[in-house]
Each structure stands twice: as structure tokens, then as C-alpha cells.
C-alpha atoms as a PDB file:
ATOM      1  CA  MET A   1       0.826 119.465 147.427  1.00  0.00           C
ATOM      2  CA  ARG A   2       1.076 116.177 149.331  1.00  0.00           C
ATOM      3  CA  TYR A   3       2.221 114.441 146.132  1.00  0.00           C
ATOM      4  CA  LYS A   4       5.078 116.931 145.704  1.00  0.00           C
ATOM      5  CA  ARG A   5       6.279 116.403 149.286  1.00  0.00           C
ATOM      6  CA  MET A   6       6.336 112.616 148.828  1.00  0.00           C
ATOM      7  CA  THR A   7       8.220 112.954 145.566  1.00  0.00           C
ATOM      8  CA  ALA A   8      10.756 115.240 147.205  1.00  0.00           C
ATOM      9  CA  GLY A   9      11.066 112.729 150.049  1.00  0.00           C
ATOM     10  CA  PHE A  10      11.790 109.883 147.626  1.00  0.00           C
ATOM     11  CA  ILE A  11      14.328 112.012 145.790  1.00  0.00           C
ATOM     12  CA  MET A  12      16.072 112.829 149.081  1.00  0.00           C
ATOM     13  CA  LEU A  13      16.021 109.123 150.040  1.00  0.00           C
ATOM     14  CA  GLY A  14      17.551 108.263 146.660  1.00  0.00           C
ATOM     15  CA  ILE A  15      20.304 110.846 147.139  1.00  0.00           C
ATOM     16  CA  LEU A  16      21.060 109.524 150.632  1.00  0.00           C
ATOM     17  CA  LEU A  17      21.137 105.893 149.450  1.00  0.00           C
ATOM     18  CA  ALA A  18      23.396 106.742 146.502  1.00  0.00           C
ATOM     19  CA  GLY A  19      26.020 107.939 148.969  1.00  0.00           C
ATOM     20  CA  LEU A  20      26.091 104.635 150.858  1.00  0.00           C
ATOM     21  CA  PRO A  21      28.612 101.906 149.946  1.00  0.00           C
ATOM     22  CA  GLY A  22      27.125  99.447 147.461  1.00  0.00           C
ATOM     23  CA  CYS A  23      24.256 101.736 146.455  1.00  0.00           C
ATOM     24  CA  GLY A  24      24.119 103.658 143.230  1.00  0.00           C
ATOM     25  CA  GLN A  25      26.181 101.062 141.359  1.00  0.00           C
ATOM     26  CA  SER A  26      25.464  99.745 137.926  1.00  0.00           C
ATOM     27  CA  PRO A  27      24.186  96.147 137.578  1.00  0.00           C
ATOM     28  CA  ASN A  28      27.727  94.798 137.027  1.00  0.00           C
ATOM     29  CA  ASN A  29      28.688  96.110 140.511  1.00  0.00           C
ATOM     30  CA  LYS A  30      31.239  98.588 139.221  1.00  0.00           C
ATOM     31  CA  GLU A  31      31.220 102.253 140.177  1.00  0.00           C
ATOM     32  CA  THR A  32      30.392 104.543 137.323  1.00  0.00           C
ATOM     33  CA  SER A  33      31.933 107.705 138.744  1.00  0.00           C
ATOM     34  CA  SER A  34      34.661 109.549 136.874  1.00  0.00           C
ATOM     35  CA  SER A  35      36.740 109.892 140.068  1.00  0.00           C
ATOM     36  CA  GLU A  36      37.317 106.129 140.092  1.00  0.00           C
ATOM     37  CA  SER A  37      38.762 106.093 136.580  1.00  0.00           C
ATOM     38  CA  SER A  38      41.169 108.921 137.353  1.00  0.00           C
ATOM     39  CA  ALA A  39      42.300 107.142 140.542  1.00  0.00           C
ATOM     40  CA  ALA A  40      43.395 104.168 138.420  1.00  0.00           C
ATOM     41  CA  ASP A  41      45.931 106.398 136.663  1.00  0.00           C
ATOM     42  CA  GLU A  42      47.594 107.417 139.942  1.00  0.00           C
ATOM     43  CA  PRO A  43      50.403 105.420 141.553  1.00  0.00           C
ATOM     44  CA  GLU A  44      49.432 102.713 144.020  1.00  0.00           C
ATOM     45  CA  SER A  45      52.140 103.726 146.489  1.00  0.00           C
ATOM     46  CA  GLU A  46      53.014 107.004 148.104  1.00  0.00           C
ATOM     47  CA  ILE A  47      55.500 109.286 146.391  1.00  0.00           C
ATOM     48  CA  ILE A  48      58.995 109.165 147.927  1.00  0.00           C
ATOM     49  CA  TYR A  49      61.449 112.048 147.464  1.00  0.00           C
ATOM     50  CA  ILE A  50      65.223 111.624 147.460  1.00  0.00           C
ATOM     51  CA  ASN A  51      68.190 113.873 146.703  1.00  0.00           C
ATOM     52  CA  GLY A  52      71.313 112.728 144.917  1.00  0.00           C
ATOM     53  CA  VAL A  53      73.659 113.186 141.989  1.00  0.00           C
ATOM     54  CA  LEU A  54      72.986 112.006 138.437  1.00  0.00           C
ATOM     55  CA  THR A  55      75.513 109.417 137.221  1.00  0.00           C
ATOM     56  CA  GLU A  56      73.944 108.227 133.930  1.00  0.00           C
ATOM     57  CA  SER A  57      71.039 109.215 131.713  1.00  0.00           C
ATOM     58  CA  ASP A  58      69.329 108.358 128.457  1.00  0.00           C
ATOM     59  CA  GLU A  59      65.991 109.298 126.862  1.00  0.00           C
ATOM     60  CA  ASP A  60      63.832 107.247 129.253  1.00  0.00           C
ATOM     61  CA  SER A  61      65.883 106.801 132.425  1.00  0.00           C
ATOM     62  CA  VAL A  62      68.306 108.350 134.880  1.00  0.00           C
ATOM     63  CA  THR A  63      70.616 106.674 137.370  1.00  0.00           C
ATOM     64  CA  MET A  64      71.220 108.602 140.541  1.00  0.00           C
ATOM     65  CA  GLU A  65      73.576 108.025 143.463  1.00  0.00           C
ATOM     66  CA  TYR A  66      72.490 108.978 146.953  1.00  0.00           C
ATOM     67  CA  GLY A  67      73.384 108.175 150.550  1.00  0.00           C
ATOM     68  CA  SER A  68      75.997 109.133 153.126  1.00  0.00           C
ATOM     69  CA  GLU A  69      78.570 107.840 155.608  1.00  0.00           C
ATOM     70  CA  GLY A  70      79.782 105.032 153.360  1.00  0.00           C
ATOM     71  CA  ASN A  71      76.261 103.732 152.652  1.00  0.00           C
ATOM     72  CA  PHE A  72      75.569 104.695 149.028  1.00  0.00           C
ATOM     73  CA  THR A  73      72.975 103.479 146.566  1.00  0.00           C
ATOM     74  CA  GLN A  74      72.630 103.843 142.813  1.00  0.00           C
ATOM     75  CA  THR A  75      69.106 103.517 141.480  1.00  0.00           C
ATOM     76  CA  THR A  76      67.776 103.788 137.941  1.00  0.00           C
ATOM     77  CA  PHE A  77      64.458 105.597 137.525  1.00  0.00           C
ATOM     78  CA  ASP A  78      62.063 105.519 134.577  1.00  0.00           C
ATOM     79  CA  ILE A  79      61.565 109.188 133.597  1.00  0.00           C
ATOM     80  CA  SER A  80      59.487 108.614 130.461  1.00  0.00           C
ATOM     81  CA  ASN A  81      56.388 110.260 132.002  1.00  0.00           C
ATOM     82  CA  ALA A  82      58.037 112.452 134.636  1.00  0.00           C
ATOM     83  CA  ASP A  83      57.698 116.198 135.012  1.00  0.00           C
ATOM     84  CA  ILE A  84      61.302 117.377 134.534  1.00  0.00           C
ATOM     85  CA  GLN A  85      62.570 120.817 135.470  1.00  0.00           C
ATOM     86  CA  ILE A  86      66.256 121.760 135.458  1.00  0.00           C
ATOM     87  CA  GLY A  87      66.723 125.385 136.486  1.00  0.00           C
ATOM     88  CA  GLU A  88      64.139 127.432 134.616  1.00  0.00           C
ATOM     89  CA  SER A  89      63.879 124.867 131.807  1.00  0.00           C
ATOM     90  CA  ARG A  90      61.116 122.252 131.615  1.00  0.00           C
ATOM     91  CA  LYS A  91      61.539 119.231 129.399  1.00  0.00           C
ATOM     92  CA  GLN A  92      60.054 115.849 128.620  1.00  0.00           C
ATOM     93  CA  GLY A  93      62.487 112.939 128.795  1.00  0.00           C
ATOM     94  CA  GLY A  94      66.254 112.808 128.817  1.00  0.00           C
ATOM     95  CA  PRO A  95      69.111 112.667 128.486  1.00  0.00           C
ATOM     96  CA  LEU A  96      70.210 114.937 131.311  1.00  0.00           C
ATOM     97  CA  ALA A  97      73.734 116.160 132.040  1.00  0.00           C
ATOM     98  CA  ALA A  98      75.861 114.011 134.359  1.00  0.00           C
ATOM     99  CA  ASN A  99      76.702 115.239 137.862  1.00  0.00           C
ATOM    100  CA  LEU A 100      73.526 117.303 138.215  1.00  0.00           C
ATOM    101  CA  LYS A 101      72.207 117.527 141.761  1.00  0.00           C
ATOM    102  CA  LEU A 102      68.617 116.276 141.579  1.00  0.00           C
ATOM    103  CA  GLU A 103      65.550 115.686 143.680  1.00  0.00           C
ATOM    104  CA  ILE A 104      63.410 112.851 142.348  1.00  0.00           C
ATOM    105  CA  GLY A 105      59.860 112.041 143.394  1.00  0.00           C
ATOM    106  CA  TYR A 106      59.080 108.409 142.628  1.00  0.00           C
ATOM    107  CA  TYR A 107      57.040 105.338 143.465  1.00  0.00           C
ATOM    108  CA  VAL A 108      57.780 101.645 143.002  1.00  0.00           C
ATOM    109  CA  LYS A 109      55.530  99.517 140.797  1.00  0.00           C
ATOM    110  CA  ASP A 110      56.275  95.914 139.870  1.00  0.00           C
ATOM    111  CA  GLY A 111      59.845  96.343 141.120  1.00  0.00           C
ATOM    112  CA  LYS A 112      60.474  99.359 138.871  1.00  0.00           C
ATOM    113  CA  TYR A 113      61.247 102.860 140.116  1.00  0.00           C
ATOM    114  CA  ILE A 114      58.887 105.247 138.332  1.00  0.00           C
ATOM    115  CA  ALA A 115      59.773 108.951 138.584  1.00  0.00           C
ATOM    116  CA  VAL A 116      56.900 111.415 138.640  1.00  0.00           C
ATOM    117  CA  SER A 117      59.077 114.497 139.104  1.00  0.00           C
ATOM    118  CA  VAL A 118      62.724 115.333 138.504  1.00  0.00           C
ATOM    119  CA  TYR A 119      63.943 118.676 139.795  1.00  0.00           C
ATOM    120  CA  GLY A 120      67.376 120.256 139.712  1.00  0.00           C
ATOM    121  CA  ASP A 121      68.467 123.849 140.117  1.00  0.00           C
ATOM    122  CA  GLY A 122      71.171 123.317 137.495  1.00  0.00           C
ATOM    123  CA  SER A 123      74.039 122.952 139.957  1.00  0.00           C
ATOM    124  CA  GLU A 124      76.506 120.101 139.682  1.00  0.00           C
ATOM    125  CA  SER A 125      78.367 118.035 142.263  1.00  0.00           C
ATOM    126  CA  MET A 126      80.544 114.994 142.550  1.00  0.00           C
ATOM    127  CA  THR A 127      78.779 111.815 143.615  1.00  0.00           C
ATOM    128  CA  PRO A 128      78.333 111.313 147.368  1.00  0.00           C
ATOM    129  CA  SER A 129      80.651 108.276 147.320  1.00  0.00           C
ATOM    130  CA  TRP A 130      83.425 110.288 145.626  1.00  0.00           C
ATOM    131  CA  ILE A 131      83.100 113.094 148.180  1.00  0.00           C
ATOM    132  CA  TYR A 132      83.072 110.610 151.072  1.00  0.00           C
ATOM    133  CA  ASN A 133      86.153 108.750 149.782  1.00  0.00           C
ATOM    134  CA  HIS A 134      87.980 112.049 149.206  1.00  0.00           C
ATOM    135  CA  GLU A 135      87.184 113.180 152.755  1.00  0.00           C
ATOM    136  CA  GLN A 136      88.371 109.850 154.172  1.00  0.00           C
ATOM    137  CA  GLN A 137      91.652 110.072 152.271  1.00  0.00           C
ATOM    138  CA  THR A 138      92.144 113.665 153.407  1.00  0.00           C
ATOM    139  CA  MET A 139      91.529 112.708 157.036  1.00  0.00           C
ATOM    140  CA  GLU A 140      93.940 109.742 156.777  1.00  0.00           C
ATOM    141  CA  GLY A 141      96.630 112.028 155.344  1.00  0.00           C
ATOM    142  CA  LYS A 142      96.265 114.454 158.261  1.00  0.00           C
ATOM    143  CA  THR A 143      96.544 111.729 160.905  1.00  0.00           C
ATOM    144  CA  GLU A 144      99.770 110.362 159.399  1.00  0.00           C
ATOM    145  CA  GLU A 145     101.565 113.751 159.589  1.00  0.00           C
END
């Protein structure tokens, strides 16, 4: 009976030590858990979400314009591995129709914008810069009258 208690104690000590940093590693000092290998596949940065209007697209990328008040940006995103849903339709890769209103979830790696999700409800719009310029021209026309 005493032997069984000691064995159980050593097992518990081994379990406790395995949970400590640096313990439970293989001789080459690398973790052997499966959670570490799956973490390597995830992006290094947080996912950023932006809304804008699609200006160009091909099989592996989309360019989207976003911004407001005269401060507009066009960015090209790699969509080759993104989850894409336009309306009720899911697809893999492009091209997508121009002028679609989109929300893109992305991260930046090695200076490239990598999309993980592309979502659009199927509605279209003019680019934010076109709308802004049109509004400015309309306001100028009203002040001259």
C-alpha cells in the first residue's frame, strides 16, 4: 500500500513539473505539443477589419479603397487563402466584381496585406473618393448660386 502511495506521489509530481516552463521538453529543447505546431500556422499580428469598396480584383488579390473626408487609401490584399463570402455565396479566390462593398479581415506579414476573410452582402457602391468629390462639387455649386 505504501508503495502505491509513493508511486502516485511521483506521478503527481511529474504532472506538476510537466506544466512548468522548461519542463516536459524533449532533449532538443523544443516543445512537442500539437498546440505549438498549430500556433505557427496562425498570423503573427492581430486581425484588423476594414470596410471599403472593391476597385480591382484578380484570382489571388483584391484592391480596395477606404477612408473618408478626403483621406483615402487603396490597398491590395492577398486573398489566395481567405474565406470569401459574397451574399449567400462562398468561394475560394477571385476575381470579384468591381464596386462591391466589402469588409476585409487581414494582417500584415513581411509588408504584405494578407486577407483571412472577405465579406460582402452583394451590394455595390461608388468608391469613397468618388462620393466625396461628388459631394464637394455639389456643395460648391450650391454656394455659387
